[in-house]
């Protein structure tokens, strides 16, 4: 089942297709039993190779600017007859009319459910109305105490060397102090 965020990205991709005058825009909700690859196919057609490239550029820019999402891969952009953009949760197919008729993805995915943009927007609204589960509370920040800071500081090699030198210098002085203190106690 696709999340609300995925549905919003898919709706934005459809809007980008419409802005570039893509034709015969279809959203196929794929059957999870048959397709472990993705949740949706977005299929549309353009009148020329240049228009197909413009449609994919518009989709990429829209999803990048609105969601910070880039496609995992893009295939066929150079030829422009069939451009595939993989966004993991949905795959965009932009065809020329001839290639779309030849390959017939809609025929190959008979078990897929065809959705309209209105259906997709209705799903988004119902998910929002149902309310999202609350996010887990962020873990409280651990405040570093003075001994912890000293331990971290001592763990660095330069600080450890300096501490060792000081300890060596102070060792004879401490031993002398202990001796004089124990000697005064004996008296």
C-alpha atoms as a PDB file:
ATOM      1  CA  UNK A   1       0.000   0.000   0.000  1.00  0.00           C
ATOM      2  CA  UNK A   2       1.426   3.335  -1.030  1.00  0.00           C
ATOM      3  CA  UNK A   3       1.926   6.066   1.518  1.00  0.00           C
ATOM      4  CA  UNK A   4       0.370   9.506   1.385  1.00  0.00           C
ATOM      5  CA  UNK A   5       3.743  10.985   0.432  1.00  0.00           C
ATOM      6  CA  UNK A   6       4.026   8.651  -2.569  1.00  0.00           C
ATOM      7  CA  UNK A   7       0.502   9.572  -3.664  1.00  0.00           C
ATOM      8  CA  UNK A   8       1.371  13.273  -3.411  1.00  0.00           C
ATOM      9  CA  UNK A   9       4.501  12.775  -5.526  1.00  0.00           C
ATOM     10  CA  UNK A  10       2.513  10.816  -8.104  1.00  0.00           C
ATOM     11  CA  UNK A  11      -0.133  13.560  -8.236  1.00  0.00           C
ATOM     12  CA  UNK A  12       2.608  16.168  -8.739  1.00  0.00           C
ATOM     13  CA  UNK A  13       4.068  14.085 -11.582  1.00  0.00           C
ATOM     14  CA  UNK A  14       0.636  13.913 -13.242  1.00  0.00           C
ATOM     15  CA  UNK A  15       0.278  17.694 -12.939  1.00  0.00           C
ATOM     16  CA  UNK A  16       3.699  18.143 -14.572  1.00  0.00           C
ATOM     17  CA  UNK A  17       2.548  15.893 -17.442  1.00  0.00           C
ATOM     18  CA  UNK A  18      -0.593  17.978 -17.863  1.00  0.00           C
ATOM     19  CA  UNK A  19       1.439  21.204 -17.851  1.00  0.00           C
ATOM     20  CA  UNK A  20       3.489  19.921 -20.811  1.00  0.00           C
ATOM     21  CA  UNK A  21       0.359  18.812 -22.714  1.00  0.00           C
ATOM     22  CA  UNK A  22       0.977  15.073 -22.397  1.00  0.00           C
ATOM     23  CA  UNK A  23      -1.791  12.967 -23.902  1.00  0.00           C
ATOM     24  CA  UNK A  24      -3.683   9.914 -22.628  1.00  0.00           C
ATOM     25  CA  UNK A  25      -2.321  10.106 -19.075  1.00  0.00           C
ATOM     26  CA  UNK A  26      -3.014   6.915 -17.121  1.00  0.00           C
ATOM     27  CA  UNK A  27      -2.159   5.818 -13.606  1.00  0.00           C
ATOM     28  CA  UNK A  28      -2.052   2.066 -13.069  1.00  0.00           C
ATOM     29  CA  UNK A  29      -2.156   0.804  -9.485  1.00  0.00           C
ATOM     30  CA  UNK A  30      -0.196  -2.423  -9.793  1.00  0.00           C
ATOM     31  CA  UNK A  31      -1.222  -5.640  -8.110  1.00  0.00           C
ATOM     32  CA  UNK A  32       1.286  -6.322  -5.301  1.00  0.00           C
ATOM     33  CA  UNK A  33       1.127 -10.076  -5.991  1.00  0.00           C
ATOM     34  CA  UNK A  34       2.330  -9.606  -9.554  1.00  0.00           C
ATOM     35  CA  UNK A  35       4.641  -6.635  -9.195  1.00  0.00           C
ATOM     36  CA  UNK A  36       7.132  -6.416  -6.389  1.00  0.00           C
ATOM     37  CA  UNK A  37       8.882  -3.636  -8.284  1.00  0.00           C
ATOM     38  CA  UNK A  38       6.620  -0.693  -7.781  1.00  0.00           C
ATOM     39  CA  UNK A  39       3.179   0.440  -6.622  1.00  0.00           C
ATOM     40  CA  UNK A  40       2.194   2.502  -9.664  1.00  0.00           C
ATOM     41  CA  UNK A  41       2.901   3.054 -13.332  1.00  0.00           C
ATOM     42  CA  UNK A  42       2.314   6.545 -14.720  1.00  0.00           C
ATOM     43  CA  UNK A  43       1.924   6.246 -18.479  1.00  0.00           C
ATOM     44  CA  UNK A  44       1.514   9.112 -20.949  1.00  0.00           C
ATOM     45  CA  UNK A  45       2.267  10.011 -24.557  1.00  0.00           C
ATOM     46  CA  UNK A  46       3.812  12.958 -26.339  1.00  0.00           C
ATOM     47  CA  UNK A  47       3.575  14.053 -29.962  1.00  0.00           C
ATOM     48  CA  UNK A  48       7.327  14.158 -30.565  1.00  0.00           C
ATOM     49  CA  UNK A  49      10.624  13.078 -29.066  1.00  0.00           C
ATOM     50  CA  UNK A  50      11.269  16.656 -27.943  1.00  0.00           C
ATOM     51  CA  UNK A  51       7.935  16.850 -26.156  1.00  0.00           C
ATOM     52  CA  UNK A  52       8.661  13.540 -24.424  1.00  0.00           C
ATOM     53  CA  UNK A  53      11.961  14.890 -23.135  1.00  0.00           C
ATOM     54  CA  UNK A  54      10.223  18.099 -22.025  1.00  0.00           C
ATOM     55  CA  UNK A  55       7.610  16.061 -20.127  1.00  0.00           C
ATOM     56  CA  UNK A  56      10.262  14.060 -18.278  1.00  0.00           C
ATOM     57  CA  UNK A  57      12.244  17.224 -17.518  1.00  0.00           C
ATOM     58  CA  UNK A  58       9.094  18.822 -16.077  1.00  0.00           C
ATOM     59  CA  UNK A  59       8.387  15.769 -13.910  1.00  0.00           C
ATOM     60  CA  UNK A  60      11.967  15.666 -12.658  1.00  0.00           C
ATOM     61  CA  UNK A  61      12.028  19.391 -11.835  1.00  0.00           C
ATOM     62  CA  UNK A  62       8.628  19.285 -10.100  1.00  0.00           C
ATOM     63  CA  UNK A  63       9.525  16.335  -7.869  1.00  0.00           C
ATOM     64  CA  UNK A  64      12.964  17.757  -7.160  1.00  0.00           C
ATOM     65  CA  UNK A  65      11.645  21.177  -6.149  1.00  0.00           C
ATOM     66  CA  UNK A  66       8.569  20.018  -4.208  1.00  0.00           C
ATOM     67  CA  UNK A  67       9.853  16.833  -2.573  1.00  0.00           C
ATOM     68  CA  UNK A  68      13.640  16.794  -3.019  1.00  0.00           C
ATOM     69  CA  UNK A  69      13.225  13.512  -4.898  1.00  0.00           C
ATOM     70  CA  UNK A  70      15.382  12.426  -7.819  1.00  0.00           C
ATOM     71  CA  UNK A  71      14.738   9.392 -10.044  1.00  0.00           C
ATOM     72  CA  UNK A  72      16.880   6.357  -9.306  1.00  0.00           C
ATOM     73  CA  UNK A  73      17.416   5.913 -13.014  1.00  0.00           C
ATOM     74  CA  UNK A  74      16.263   7.341 -16.320  1.00  0.00           C
ATOM     75  CA  UNK A  75      16.350   5.309 -19.507  1.00  0.00           C
ATOM     76  CA  UNK A  76      15.705   6.304 -23.127  1.00  0.00           C
ATOM     77  CA  UNK A  77      16.037  10.072 -22.754  1.00  0.00           C
ATOM     78  CA  UNK A  78      18.494  10.290 -25.634  1.00  0.00           C
ATOM     79  CA  UNK A  79      16.155   8.568 -28.115  1.00  0.00           C
ATOM     80  CA  UNK A  80      12.965  10.083 -26.682  1.00  0.00           C
ATOM     81  CA  UNK A  81      10.575   7.435 -28.031  1.00  0.00           C
ATOM     82  CA  UNK A  82      10.098   5.654 -24.700  1.00  0.00           C
ATOM     83  CA  UNK A  83      11.498   7.328 -21.610  1.00  0.00           C
ATOM     84  CA  UNK A  84      11.352   5.465 -18.319  1.00  0.00           C
ATOM     85  CA  UNK A  85      11.895   7.215 -14.981  1.00  0.00           C
ATOM     86  CA  UNK A  86      12.230   4.982 -11.922  1.00  0.00           C
ATOM     87  CA  UNK A  87      11.134   6.593  -8.648  1.00  0.00           C
ATOM     88  CA  UNK A  88      10.974   3.169  -6.896  1.00  0.00           C
ATOM     89  CA  UNK A  89       7.400   3.554  -5.588  1.00  0.00           C
ATOM     90  CA  UNK A  90       6.201   4.533  -9.043  1.00  0.00           C
ATOM     91  CA  UNK A  91       7.606   4.315 -12.546  1.00  0.00           C
ATOM     92  CA  UNK A  92       6.933   6.932 -15.204  1.00  0.00           C
ATOM     93  CA  UNK A  93       6.674   5.834 -18.855  1.00  0.00           C
ATOM     94  CA  UNK A  94       6.575   8.575 -21.494  1.00  0.00           C
ATOM     95  CA  UNK A  95       5.928   7.139 -24.951  1.00  0.00           C
ATOM     96  CA  UNK A  96       5.619   8.282 -28.524  1.00  0.00           C
ATOM     97  CA  UNK A  97       2.207   7.212 -29.877  1.00  0.00           C
ATOM     98  CA  UNK A  98       3.749   4.499 -32.070  1.00  0.00           C
ATOM     99  CA  UNK A  99       5.830   2.917 -29.298  1.00  0.00           C
ATOM    100  CA  UNK A 100       2.933   3.015 -26.851  1.00  0.00           C
ATOM    101  CA  UNK A 101       0.677   1.172 -29.309  1.00  0.00           C
ATOM    102  CA  UNK A 102       3.441  -1.342 -30.076  1.00  0.00           C
ATOM    103  CA  UNK A 103       4.386  -2.242 -26.476  1.00  0.00           C
ATOM    104  CA  UNK A 104       0.922  -1.872 -24.910  1.00  0.00           C
ATOM    105  CA  UNK A 105       1.845  -1.757 -21.230  1.00  0.00           C
ATOM    106  CA  UNK A 106      -1.809  -1.382 -20.320  1.00  0.00           C
ATOM    107  CA  UNK A 107      -2.512  -4.748 -21.986  1.00  0.00           C
ATOM    108  CA  UNK A 108       0.431  -6.411 -20.232  1.00  0.00           C
ATOM    109  CA  UNK A 109      -0.759  -5.278 -16.805  1.00  0.00           C
ATOM    110  CA  UNK A 110      -4.322  -6.594 -16.971  1.00  0.00           C
ATOM    111  CA  UNK A 111      -4.577  -7.019 -13.191  1.00  0.00           C
ATOM    112  CA  UNK A 112      -3.651  -3.366 -12.602  1.00  0.00           C
ATOM    113  CA  UNK A 113      -6.366  -0.930 -11.550  1.00  0.00           C
ATOM    114  CA  UNK A 114      -6.644   2.263 -13.569  1.00  0.00           C
ATOM    115  CA  UNK A 115      -6.851   5.428 -11.449  1.00  0.00           C
ATOM    116  CA  UNK A 116      -7.610   9.001 -12.349  1.00  0.00           C
ATOM    117  CA  UNK A 117      -6.041  12.065 -10.782  1.00  0.00           C
ATOM    118  CA  UNK A 118      -9.339  12.682  -8.961  1.00  0.00           C
ATOM    119  CA  UNK A 119      -9.186   9.162  -7.468  1.00  0.00           C
ATOM    120  CA  UNK A 120      -5.612   9.747  -6.359  1.00  0.00           C
ATOM    121  CA  UNK A 121      -6.474  13.099  -4.766  1.00  0.00           C
ATOM    122  CA  UNK A 122      -9.432  11.460  -2.990  1.00  0.00           C
ATOM    123  CA  UNK A 123      -7.063   8.829  -1.546  1.00  0.00           C
ATOM    124  CA  UNK A 124      -4.720  11.572  -0.342  1.00  0.00           C
ATOM    125  CA  UNK A 125      -7.570  13.500   1.314  1.00  0.00           C
ATOM    126  CA  UNK A 126      -8.976  10.407   3.013  1.00  0.00           C
ATOM    127  CA  UNK A 127      -5.529   9.466   4.351  1.00  0.00           C
ATOM    128  CA  UNK A 128      -5.061  12.967   5.728  1.00  0.00           C
ATOM    129  CA  UNK A 129      -8.564  12.980   7.224  1.00  0.00           C
ATOM    130  CA  UNK A 130      -7.971   9.604   8.877  1.00  0.00           C
ATOM    131  CA  UNK A 131      -4.932  11.115  10.520  1.00  0.00           C
ATOM    132  CA  UNK A 132      -1.432   9.887  10.404  1.00  0.00           C
ATOM    133  CA  UNK A 133       0.001   7.955  13.299  1.00  0.00           C
ATOM    134  CA  UNK A 134       1.925  10.193  15.641  1.00  0.00           C
ATOM    135  CA  UNK A 135       5.661  10.193  15.232  1.00  0.00           C
ATOM    136  CA  UNK A 136       7.668   8.626  17.999  1.00  0.00           C
ATOM    137  CA  UNK A 137       9.107  11.146  20.405  1.00  0.00           C
ATOM    138  CA  UNK A 138      12.702  12.046  19.716  1.00  0.00           C
ATOM    139  CA  UNK A 139      15.105  10.617  22.255  1.00  0.00           C
ATOM    140  CA  UNK A 140      16.167  13.092  24.911  1.00  0.00           C
ATOM    141  CA  UNK A 141      19.607  14.590  24.471  1.00  0.00           C
ATOM    142  CA  UNK A 142      22.181  13.222  26.843  1.00  0.00           C
ATOM    143  CA  UNK A 143      23.941  15.994  28.671  1.00  0.00           C
ATOM    144  CA  UNK A 144      27.669  15.441  28.916  1.00  0.00           C
ATOM    145  CA  UNK A 145      28.957  15.727  32.427  1.00  0.00           C
ATOM    146  CA  UNK A 146      32.415  17.009  33.293  1.00  0.00           C
ATOM    147  CA  UNK A 147      33.966  13.507  33.704  1.00  0.00           C
ATOM    148  CA  UNK A 148      32.496  12.434  30.370  1.00  0.00           C
ATOM    149  CA  UNK A 149      33.957  15.499  28.671  1.00  0.00           C
ATOM    150  CA  UNK A 150      37.349  14.754  30.211  1.00  0.00           C
ATOM    151  CA  UNK A 151      37.155  11.143  29.047  1.00  0.00           C
ATOM    152  CA  UNK A 152      36.385  12.225  25.493  1.00  0.00           C
ATOM    153  CA  UNK A 153      39.145  14.804  25.633  1.00  0.00           C
ATOM    154  CA  UNK A 154      41.621  12.251  27.013  1.00  0.00           C
ATOM    155  CA  UNK A 155      40.761   9.841  24.219  1.00  0.00           C
ATOM    156  CA  UNK A 156      42.411  12.050  21.615  1.00  0.00           C
ATOM    157  CA  UNK A 157      46.093  11.132  21.032  1.00  0.00           C
ATOM    158  CA  UNK A 158      47.555  14.622  21.502  1.00  0.00           C
ATOM    159  CA  UNK A 159      45.730  15.175  24.794  1.00  0.00           C
ATOM    160  CA  UNK A 160      46.636  11.677  25.971  1.00  0.00           C
ATOM    161  CA  UNK A 161      50.362  12.364  25.329  1.00  0.00           C
ATOM    162  CA  UNK A 162      50.225  15.642  27.255  1.00  0.00           C
ATOM    163  CA  UNK A 163      48.412  13.978  30.161  1.00  0.00           C
ATOM    164  CA  UNK A 164      51.000  11.198  30.260  1.00  0.00           C
ATOM    165  CA  UNK A 165      53.875  13.727  30.346  1.00  0.00           C
ATOM    166  CA  UNK A 166      52.218  15.626  33.201  1.00  0.00           C
ATOM    167  CA  UNK A 167      51.672  12.398  35.115  1.00  0.00           C
ATOM    168  CA  UNK A 168      55.341  11.452  34.732  1.00  0.00           C
ATOM    169  CA  UNK A 169      56.456  14.903  35.932  1.00  0.00           C
ATOM    170  CA  UNK A 170      54.025  14.876  38.852  1.00  0.00           C
ATOM    171  CA  UNK A 171      54.768  11.279  39.917  1.00  0.00           C
ATOM    172  CA  UNK A 172      58.039  12.085  41.806  1.00  0.00           C
ATOM    173  CA  UNK A 173      56.453  15.163  43.390  1.00  0.00           C
ATOM    174  CA  UNK A 174      53.437  13.134  44.563  1.00  0.00           C
ATOM    175  CA  UNK A 175      55.700  10.417  45.948  1.00  0.00           C
ATOM    176  CA  UNK A 176      57.718  13.038  47.850  1.00  0.00           C
ATOM    177  CA  UNK A 177      54.521  14.603  49.247  1.00  0.00           C
ATOM    178  CA  UNK A 178      53.266  11.205  50.384  1.00  0.00           C
ATOM    179  CA  UNK A 179      56.577  10.439  52.018  1.00  0.00           C
ATOM    180  CA  UNK A 180      56.656  13.747  53.832  1.00  0.00           C
ATOM    181  CA  UNK A 181      53.038  13.394  54.882  1.00  0.00           C
ATOM    182  CA  UNK A 182      53.552   9.899  56.195  1.00  0.00           C
ATOM    183  CA  UNK A 183      56.770  10.991  57.916  1.00  0.00           C
ATOM    184  CA  UNK A 184      55.014  13.850  59.719  1.00  0.00           C
ATOM    185  CA  UNK A 185      52.278  11.503  60.864  1.00  0.00           C
ATOM    186  CA  UNK A 186      54.888   9.185  62.415  1.00  0.00           C
ATOM    187  CA  UNK A 187      56.425  11.982  64.419  1.00  0.00           C
END
